[in-house]
Amino acid sequence: MRRSVVTGLLLLLLCAGCVLTPVSPARGDPGWYLAVPWGMATDAPVGQWNLVDTRTQLGDCQAELKEMRDGWRRAVRESPGDALARTAFNEWAVAQCVATDDPRLER
């Protein structure tokens, strides 16, 4: 029971940022996407990754990325046999903050 509750809560947290909001970047800052390779090989090109959130400052994006990585790390530690948590942990381990004007995002 505890494993499913932890996994469910982490999925809710993860999906809370799934809808992109417009970026109003600070002067000189392009804005940042939190990009995650959900459901694909972690070595897939960044342009194919899912853009799960937007931030106006790099520091905010990096803080959210750290929070998500730490959450999935805890989930794996608490439920080592949970395949969903392990997969999510591996995907978040390679997630990146990508500038909104990064040429790799051109599709």
C-alpha atoms as a PDB file:
ATOM      1  CA  MET A   1       0.000   0.000   0.000  1.00  0.00           C
ATOM      2  CA  ARG A   2       2.716   2.500   0.946  1.00  0.00           C
ATOM      3  CA  ARG A   3       4.508   1.982  -2.368  1.00  0.00           C
ATOM      4  CA  SER A   4       1.418   2.756  -4.416  1.00  0.00           C
ATOM      5  CA  VAL A   5       0.693   5.861  -2.338  1.00  0.00           C
ATOM      6  CA  VAL A   6       4.246   7.174  -2.761  1.00  0.00           C
ATOM      7  CA  THR A   7       4.219   6.434  -6.482  1.00  0.00           C
ATOM      8  CA  GLY A   8       0.799   8.036  -6.902  1.00  0.00           C
ATOM      9  CA  LEU A   9       1.839  11.186  -5.073  1.00  0.00           C
ATOM     10  CA  LEU A  10       4.987  11.488  -7.132  1.00  0.00           C
ATOM     11  CA  LEU A  11       3.015  11.076 -10.348  1.00  0.00           C
ATOM     12  CA  LEU A  12       0.654  13.845  -9.265  1.00  0.00           C
ATOM     13  CA  LEU A  13       3.614  16.086  -8.499  1.00  0.00           C
ATOM     14  CA  LEU A  14       5.166  15.234 -11.828  1.00  0.00           C
ATOM     15  CA  CYS A  15       2.015  15.981 -13.798  1.00  0.00           C
ATOM     16  CA  ALA A  16       1.340  19.216 -11.936  1.00  0.00           C
ATOM     17  CA  GLY A  17       3.791  20.921 -14.276  1.00  0.00           C
ATOM     18  CA  CYS A  18       2.746  19.120 -17.447  1.00  0.00           C
ATOM     19  CA  VAL A  19       0.935  22.098 -18.960  1.00  0.00           C
ATOM     20  CA  LEU A  20       3.343  24.642 -20.372  1.00  0.00           C
ATOM     21  CA  THR A  21       2.714  28.225 -19.437  1.00  0.00           C
ATOM     22  CA  PRO A  22       3.938  31.185 -21.469  1.00  0.00           C
ATOM     23  CA  VAL A  23       7.385  32.455 -20.589  1.00  0.00           C
ATOM     24  CA  SER A  24       7.976  36.146 -19.943  1.00  0.00           C
ATOM     25  CA  PRO A  25      11.747  36.064 -19.730  1.00  0.00           C
ATOM     26  CA  ALA A  26      13.811  38.612 -17.897  1.00  0.00           C
ATOM     27  CA  ARG A  27      15.864  40.905 -20.074  1.00  0.00           C
ATOM     28  CA  GLY A  28      18.699  38.877 -21.614  1.00  0.00           C
ATOM     29  CA  ASP A  29      17.308  35.539 -20.395  1.00  0.00           C
ATOM     30  CA  PRO A  30      15.568  33.438 -23.058  1.00  0.00           C
ATOM     31  CA  GLY A  31      13.347  31.491 -20.672  1.00  0.00           C
ATOM     32  CA  TRP A  32      13.758  27.819 -19.846  1.00  0.00           C
ATOM     33  CA  TYR A  33      11.955  24.567 -20.504  1.00  0.00           C
ATOM     34  CA  LEU A  34      12.254  21.574 -18.227  1.00  0.00           C
ATOM     35  CA  ALA A  35      12.772  18.779 -20.762  1.00  0.00           C
ATOM     36  CA  VAL A  36      12.364  15.081 -19.901  1.00  0.00           C
ATOM     37  CA  PRO A  37      12.698  12.035 -22.201  1.00  0.00           C
ATOM     38  CA  TRP A  38       9.466  10.353 -21.035  1.00  0.00           C
ATOM     39  CA  GLY A  39       8.742   7.037 -22.684  1.00  0.00           C
ATOM     40  CA  MET A  40      11.732   7.119 -24.996  1.00  0.00           C
ATOM     41  CA  ALA A  41      15.385   6.232 -24.931  1.00  0.00           C
ATOM     42  CA  THR A  42      17.262   8.563 -22.610  1.00  0.00           C
ATOM     43  CA  ASP A  43      19.763   9.183 -25.414  1.00  0.00           C
ATOM     44  CA  ALA A  44      17.050  10.440 -27.798  1.00  0.00           C
ATOM     45  CA  PRO A  45      17.669  13.944 -29.192  1.00  0.00           C
ATOM     46  CA  VAL A  46      16.544  16.704 -26.828  1.00  0.00           C
ATOM     47  CA  GLY A  47      14.249  18.062 -29.542  1.00  0.00           C
ATOM     48  CA  GLN A  48      12.113  14.924 -29.159  1.00  0.00           C
ATOM     49  CA  TRP A  49      11.813  15.156 -25.373  1.00  0.00           C
ATOM     50  CA  ASN A  50       8.700  16.293 -23.515  1.00  0.00           C
ATOM     51  CA  LEU A  51       8.743  19.909 -22.352  1.00  0.00           C
ATOM     52  CA  VAL A  52       7.005  19.650 -18.999  1.00  0.00           C
ATOM     53  CA  ASP A  53       7.345  23.128 -17.544  1.00  0.00           C
ATOM     54  CA  THR A  54       8.591  26.620 -18.313  1.00  0.00           C
ATOM     55  CA  ARG A  55      10.539  28.969 -16.100  1.00  0.00           C
ATOM     56  CA  THR A  56      11.720  32.498 -16.660  1.00  0.00           C
ATOM     57  CA  GLN A  57      15.039  31.968 -14.874  1.00  0.00           C
ATOM     58  CA  LEU A  58      17.555  29.163 -15.132  1.00  0.00           C
ATOM     59  CA  GLY A  59      17.930  28.937 -11.339  1.00  0.00           C
ATOM     60  CA  ASP A  60      14.199  28.254 -10.938  1.00  0.00           C
ATOM     61  CA  CYS A  61      14.323  25.533 -13.574  1.00  0.00           C
ATOM     62  CA  GLN A  62      17.344  23.919 -11.957  1.00  0.00           C
ATOM     63  CA  ALA A  63      15.648  24.006  -8.539  1.00  0.00           C
ATOM     64  CA  GLU A  64      12.567  22.242  -9.936  1.00  0.00           C
ATOM     65  CA  LEU A  65      14.772  19.689 -11.679  1.00  0.00           C
ATOM     66  CA  LYS A  66      16.600  18.957  -8.420  1.00  0.00           C
ATOM     67  CA  GLU A  67      13.293  18.607  -6.554  1.00  0.00           C
ATOM     68  CA  MET A  68      11.988  16.074  -9.079  1.00  0.00           C
ATOM     69  CA  ARG A  69      15.230  14.085  -9.089  1.00  0.00           C
ATOM     70  CA  ASP A  70      15.273  13.987  -5.292  1.00  0.00           C
ATOM     71  CA  GLY A  71      11.629  12.852  -5.208  1.00  0.00           C
ATOM     72  CA  TRP A  72      12.182   9.966  -7.600  1.00  0.00           C
ATOM     73  CA  ARG A  73      15.407   9.019  -5.791  1.00  0.00           C
ATOM     74  CA  ARG A  74      13.396   8.747  -2.545  1.00  0.00           C
ATOM     75  CA  ALA A  75      10.714   6.692  -4.301  1.00  0.00           C
ATOM     76  CA  VAL A  76      13.301   4.207  -5.583  1.00  0.00           C
ATOM     77  CA  ARG A  77      14.954   3.998  -2.175  1.00  0.00           C
ATOM     78  CA  GLU A  78      11.607   3.369  -0.442  1.00  0.00           C
ATOM     79  CA  SER A  79      10.346   0.881  -3.063  1.00  0.00           C
ATOM     80  CA  PRO A  80      13.363  -0.631  -4.833  1.00  0.00           C
ATOM     81  CA  GLY A  81      11.216  -3.093  -6.793  1.00  0.00           C
ATOM     82  CA  ASP A  82       8.902  -0.415  -8.232  1.00  0.00           C
ATOM     83  CA  ALA A  83       9.589  -0.461 -11.984  1.00  0.00           C
ATOM     84  CA  LEU A  84       7.671   2.789 -12.588  1.00  0.00           C
ATOM     85  CA  ALA A  85       9.739   4.662 -10.007  1.00  0.00           C
ATOM     86  CA  ARG A  86      12.969   3.229 -11.435  1.00  0.00           C
ATOM     87  CA  THR A  87      12.005   4.257 -14.983  1.00  0.00           C
ATOM     88  CA  ALA A  88      11.023   7.757 -13.873  1.00  0.00           C
ATOM     89  CA  PHE A  89      14.234   8.084 -11.855  1.00  0.00           C
ATOM     90  CA  ASN A  90      16.286   7.158 -14.928  1.00  0.00           C
ATOM     91  CA  GLU A  91      14.393   9.642 -17.110  1.00  0.00           C
ATOM     92  CA  TRP A  92      14.757  12.477 -14.599  1.00  0.00           C
ATOM     93  CA  ALA A  93      18.447  11.647 -14.153  1.00  0.00           C
ATOM     94  CA  VAL A  94      19.071  12.900 -17.704  1.00  0.00           C
ATOM     95  CA  ALA A  95      16.398  15.640 -17.773  1.00  0.00           C
ATOM     96  CA  GLN A  96      17.674  19.106 -18.576  1.00  0.00           C
ATOM     97  CA  CYS A  97      16.791  22.755 -18.389  1.00  0.00           C
ATOM     98  CA  VAL A  98      16.834  23.895 -22.009  1.00  0.00           C
ATOM     99  CA  ALA A  99      16.714  27.502 -23.181  1.00  0.00           C
ATOM    100  CA  THR A 100      13.535  28.322 -25.102  1.00  0.00           C
ATOM    101  CA  ASP A 101      15.680  29.496 -28.017  1.00  0.00           C
ATOM    102  CA  ASP A 102      17.888  26.368 -28.066  1.00  0.00           C
ATOM    103  CA  PRO A 103      18.230  25.249 -31.714  1.00  0.00           C
ATOM    104  CA  ARG A 104      17.909  21.585 -30.658  1.00  0.00           C
ATOM    105  CA  LEU A 105      14.224  22.269 -30.014  1.00  0.00           C
ATOM    106  CA  GLU A 106      13.417  23.088 -33.626  1.00  0.00           C
ATOM    107  CA  ARG A 107      11.151  20.318 -34.846  1.00  0.00           C
END
